[in-house]
Amino acid sequence: MRSLEQTKAWKSIGATLVRQDVPGHCSEEIFDSDNYWRCIGRHFLTTATHFIGTCRMGSVNDPSVVVDSRLRVIGIKNLRVADASVMRYIPSCHTNAPVMMIGEKAAHMIRLDRTHRYNI
């Protein structure tokens, strides 16, 4: 973070880092140390919109995975997740288009699974 204070942009407006203590959170850490910023990140950083990755998709052998490659929730029958939560990484664009594509792909997979199951 100290490197930010050395940039032209920060210097041009006289910006500096200021410790803002919140009782019970990070006050035991040395200001501007790696541990201080890790603590700040754990307790105070969040995104306001475009949450992703909360239902990670991947191999059924990975204990951190929630859904398989066909968007089925592992261990629960007849439940799929088809939203931004299955994405591992946030795209560099708005999440709306990728989520619509995930939804389309899910609909296609559901139709295929139903057709295969009932030989329609």
C-alpha atoms as a PDB file:
ATOM      1  CA  MET A   1       0.000   0.000   0.000  1.00  0.00           C
ATOM      2  CA  ARG A   2       2.893   2.377   0.639  1.00  0.00           C
ATOM      3  CA  SER A   3       3.691   2.245  -3.075  1.00  0.00           C
ATOM      4  CA  LEU A   4       0.320   3.907  -3.737  1.00  0.00           C
ATOM      5  CA  GLU A   5       1.453   6.929  -1.752  1.00  0.00           C
ATOM      6  CA  GLN A   6       4.424   7.245  -4.096  1.00  0.00           C
ATOM      7  CA  THR A   7       2.347   7.535  -7.271  1.00  0.00           C
ATOM      8  CA  LYS A   8       1.908  10.867  -9.048  1.00  0.00           C
ATOM      9  CA  ALA A   9      -1.856  10.658  -8.624  1.00  0.00           C
ATOM     10  CA  TRP A  10      -1.688  10.320  -4.840  1.00  0.00           C
ATOM     11  CA  LYS A  11       1.061  12.927  -4.506  1.00  0.00           C
ATOM     12  CA  SER A  12      -0.865  15.424  -6.647  1.00  0.00           C
ATOM     13  CA  ILE A  13      -3.717  15.489  -4.136  1.00  0.00           C
ATOM     14  CA  GLY A  14      -1.647  14.926  -1.007  1.00  0.00           C
ATOM     15  CA  ALA A  15      -3.289  11.588  -0.230  1.00  0.00           C
ATOM     16  CA  THR A  16      -1.905   9.480   2.616  1.00  0.00           C
ATOM     17  CA  LEU A  17      -2.845   6.245   4.302  1.00  0.00           C
ATOM     18  CA  VAL A  18      -4.602   6.742   7.624  1.00  0.00           C
ATOM     19  CA  ARG A  19      -5.150   4.076  10.233  1.00  0.00           C
ATOM     20  CA  GLN A  20      -8.825   3.786  11.098  1.00  0.00           C
ATOM     21  CA  ASP A  21      -9.238   1.484  14.073  1.00  0.00           C
ATOM     22  CA  VAL A  22     -12.428  -0.447  14.587  1.00  0.00           C
ATOM     23  CA  PRO A  23     -12.621  -1.957  18.081  1.00  0.00           C
ATOM     24  CA  GLY A  24     -12.037  -5.699  17.976  1.00  0.00           C
ATOM     25  CA  HIS A  25     -10.660  -5.752  14.429  1.00  0.00           C
ATOM     26  CA  CYS A  26      -6.987  -5.482  13.417  1.00  0.00           C
ATOM     27  CA  SER A  27      -6.003  -3.070  16.209  1.00  0.00           C
ATOM     28  CA  GLU A  28      -3.365  -5.559  17.404  1.00  0.00           C
ATOM     29  CA  GLU A  29      -1.600  -5.464  14.021  1.00  0.00           C
ATOM     30  CA  ILE A  30       1.200  -3.037  13.137  1.00  0.00           C
ATOM     31  CA  PHE A  31      -0.185  -0.395  10.770  1.00  0.00           C
ATOM     32  CA  ASP A  32       0.783  -0.938   7.126  1.00  0.00           C
ATOM     33  CA  SER A  33       2.332  -4.361   7.783  1.00  0.00           C
ATOM     34  CA  ASP A  34       1.380  -7.311   5.587  1.00  0.00           C
ATOM     35  CA  ASN A  35      -0.564  -8.796   8.501  1.00  0.00           C
ATOM     36  CA  TYR A  36      -2.428  -5.509   8.992  1.00  0.00           C
ATOM     37  CA  TRP A  37      -3.600  -5.466   5.353  1.00  0.00           C
ATOM     38  CA  ARG A  38      -4.498  -9.173   5.455  1.00  0.00           C
ATOM     39  CA  CYS A  39      -6.619  -8.489   8.530  1.00  0.00           C
ATOM     40  CA  ILE A  40      -8.283  -5.488   6.854  1.00  0.00           C
ATOM     41  CA  GLY A  41      -9.000  -7.647   3.801  1.00  0.00           C
ATOM     42  CA  ARG A  42     -10.555 -10.432   5.871  1.00  0.00           C
ATOM     43  CA  HIS A  43     -12.807  -8.126   7.871  1.00  0.00           C
ATOM     44  CA  PHE A  44     -13.682  -5.145   5.700  1.00  0.00           C
ATOM     45  CA  LEU A  45     -13.368  -5.809   1.965  1.00  0.00           C
ATOM     46  CA  THR A  46     -16.454  -6.808   0.043  1.00  0.00           C
ATOM     47  CA  THR A  47     -18.056  -6.332  -3.300  1.00  0.00           C
ATOM     48  CA  ALA A  48     -21.300  -4.449  -3.598  1.00  0.00           C
ATOM     49  CA  THR A  49     -22.463  -6.244  -6.720  1.00  0.00           C
ATOM     50  CA  HIS A  50     -21.571  -9.080  -9.065  1.00  0.00           C
ATOM     51  CA  PHE A  51     -20.893 -11.793  -6.510  1.00  0.00           C
ATOM     52  CA  ILE A  52     -19.278 -14.837  -8.089  1.00  0.00           C
ATOM     53  CA  GLY A  53     -17.701 -18.112  -7.068  1.00  0.00           C
ATOM     54  CA  THR A  54     -19.844 -19.023  -4.058  1.00  0.00           C
ATOM     55  CA  CYS A  55     -20.942 -22.341  -5.632  1.00  0.00           C
ATOM     56  CA  ARG A  56     -17.717 -23.339  -7.301  1.00  0.00           C
ATOM     57  CA  MET A  57     -17.961 -25.648 -10.313  1.00  0.00           C
ATOM     58  CA  GLY A  58     -15.424 -28.390 -10.944  1.00  0.00           C
ATOM     59  CA  SER A  59     -14.419 -31.985 -10.351  1.00  0.00           C
ATOM     60  CA  VAL A  60     -16.578 -33.992  -7.966  1.00  0.00           C
ATOM     61  CA  ASN A  61     -13.326 -35.128  -6.311  1.00  0.00           C
ATOM     62  CA  ASP A  62     -12.470 -31.554  -5.240  1.00  0.00           C
ATOM     63  CA  PRO A  63     -13.854 -30.895  -1.735  1.00  0.00           C
ATOM     64  CA  SER A  64     -14.222 -27.155  -2.462  1.00  0.00           C
ATOM     65  CA  VAL A  65     -16.567 -27.784  -5.400  1.00  0.00           C
ATOM     66  CA  VAL A  66     -20.353 -27.378  -5.063  1.00  0.00           C
ATOM     67  CA  VAL A  67     -21.567 -28.149  -8.598  1.00  0.00           C
ATOM     68  CA  ASP A  68     -20.316 -30.517 -11.283  1.00  0.00           C
ATOM     69  CA  SER A  69     -19.667 -29.619 -14.921  1.00  0.00           C
ATOM     70  CA  ARG A  70     -23.381 -30.034 -15.697  1.00  0.00           C
ATOM     71  CA  LEU A  71     -24.299 -27.505 -12.978  1.00  0.00           C
ATOM     72  CA  ARG A  72     -25.763 -30.215 -10.709  1.00  0.00           C
ATOM     73  CA  VAL A  73     -25.339 -29.668  -6.977  1.00  0.00           C
ATOM     74  CA  ILE A  74     -23.155 -32.503  -5.739  1.00  0.00           C
ATOM     75  CA  GLY A  75     -25.005 -34.834  -3.379  1.00  0.00           C
ATOM     76  CA  ILE A  76     -28.485 -33.411  -4.037  1.00  0.00           C
ATOM     77  CA  LYS A  77     -30.746 -34.873  -6.715  1.00  0.00           C
ATOM     78  CA  ASN A  78     -32.662 -32.637  -9.123  1.00  0.00           C
ATOM     79  CA  LEU A  79     -30.992 -29.368  -8.132  1.00  0.00           C
ATOM     80  CA  ARG A  80     -28.799 -27.211 -10.346  1.00  0.00           C
ATOM     81  CA  VAL A  81     -27.206 -23.814  -9.943  1.00  0.00           C
ATOM     82  CA  ALA A  82     -27.159 -21.613 -13.046  1.00  0.00           C
ATOM     83  CA  ASP A  83     -25.898 -18.173 -12.067  1.00  0.00           C
ATOM     84  CA  ALA A  84     -22.664 -16.255 -11.439  1.00  0.00           C
ATOM     85  CA  SER A  85     -21.946 -18.278  -8.320  1.00  0.00           C
ATOM     86  CA  VAL A  86     -20.546 -21.131 -10.451  1.00  0.00           C
ATOM     87  CA  MET A  87     -17.879 -18.916 -12.055  1.00  0.00           C
ATOM     88  CA  ARG A  88     -14.412 -19.279 -10.539  1.00  0.00           C
ATOM     89  CA  TYR A  89     -13.188 -15.890 -11.732  1.00  0.00           C
ATOM     90  CA  ILE A  90     -15.035 -12.644 -12.291  1.00  0.00           C
ATOM     91  CA  PRO A  91     -15.006 -11.691 -15.978  1.00  0.00           C
ATOM     92  CA  SER A  92     -13.600  -8.354 -17.097  1.00  0.00           C
ATOM     93  CA  CYS A  93     -17.049  -7.440 -18.378  1.00  0.00           C
ATOM     94  CA  HIS A  94     -20.411  -7.018 -16.674  1.00  0.00           C
ATOM     95  CA  THR A  95     -21.566 -10.405 -15.365  1.00  0.00           C
ATOM     96  CA  ASN A  96     -24.975 -10.143 -17.045  1.00  0.00           C
ATOM     97  CA  ALA A  97     -23.936 -11.626 -20.407  1.00  0.00           C
ATOM     98  CA  PRO A  98     -21.955 -14.570 -18.964  1.00  0.00           C
ATOM     99  CA  VAL A  99     -24.841 -15.364 -16.585  1.00  0.00           C
ATOM    100  CA  MET A 100     -27.302 -15.398 -19.487  1.00  0.00           C
ATOM    101  CA  MET A 101     -24.960 -17.799 -21.306  1.00  0.00           C
ATOM    102  CA  ILE A 102     -24.774 -20.027 -18.219  1.00  0.00           C
ATOM    103  CA  GLY A 103     -28.582 -20.028 -18.077  1.00  0.00           C
ATOM    104  CA  GLU A 104     -28.855 -20.933 -21.760  1.00  0.00           C
ATOM    105  CA  LYS A 105     -26.319 -23.723 -21.346  1.00  0.00           C
ATOM    106  CA  ALA A 106     -28.174 -25.010 -18.264  1.00  0.00           C
ATOM    107  CA  ALA A 107     -31.468 -25.060 -20.171  1.00  0.00           C
ATOM    108  CA  HIS A 108     -29.793 -26.979 -22.992  1.00  0.00           C
ATOM    109  CA  MET A 109     -28.273 -29.526 -20.574  1.00  0.00           C
ATOM    110  CA  ILE A 110     -31.598 -29.994 -18.774  1.00  0.00           C
ATOM    111  CA  ARG A 111     -33.354 -30.633 -22.104  1.00  0.00           C
ATOM    112  CA  LEU A 112     -30.647 -33.120 -23.124  1.00  0.00           C
ATOM    113  CA  ASP A 113     -30.797 -34.923 -19.780  1.00  0.00           C
ATOM    114  CA  ARG A 114     -34.593 -35.140 -19.944  1.00  0.00           C
ATOM    115  CA  THR A 115     -34.512 -36.378 -23.554  1.00  0.00           C
ATOM    116  CA  HIS A 116     -31.878 -38.984 -22.694  1.00  0.00           C
ATOM    117  CA  ARG A 117     -33.667 -40.132 -19.513  1.00  0.00           C
ATOM    118  CA  TYR A 118     -37.077 -40.565 -21.154  1.00  0.00           C
ATOM    119  CA  ASN A 119     -35.883 -41.339 -24.698  1.00  0.00           C
ATOM    120  CA  ILE A 120     -38.045 -38.549 -26.063  1.00  0.00           C
END
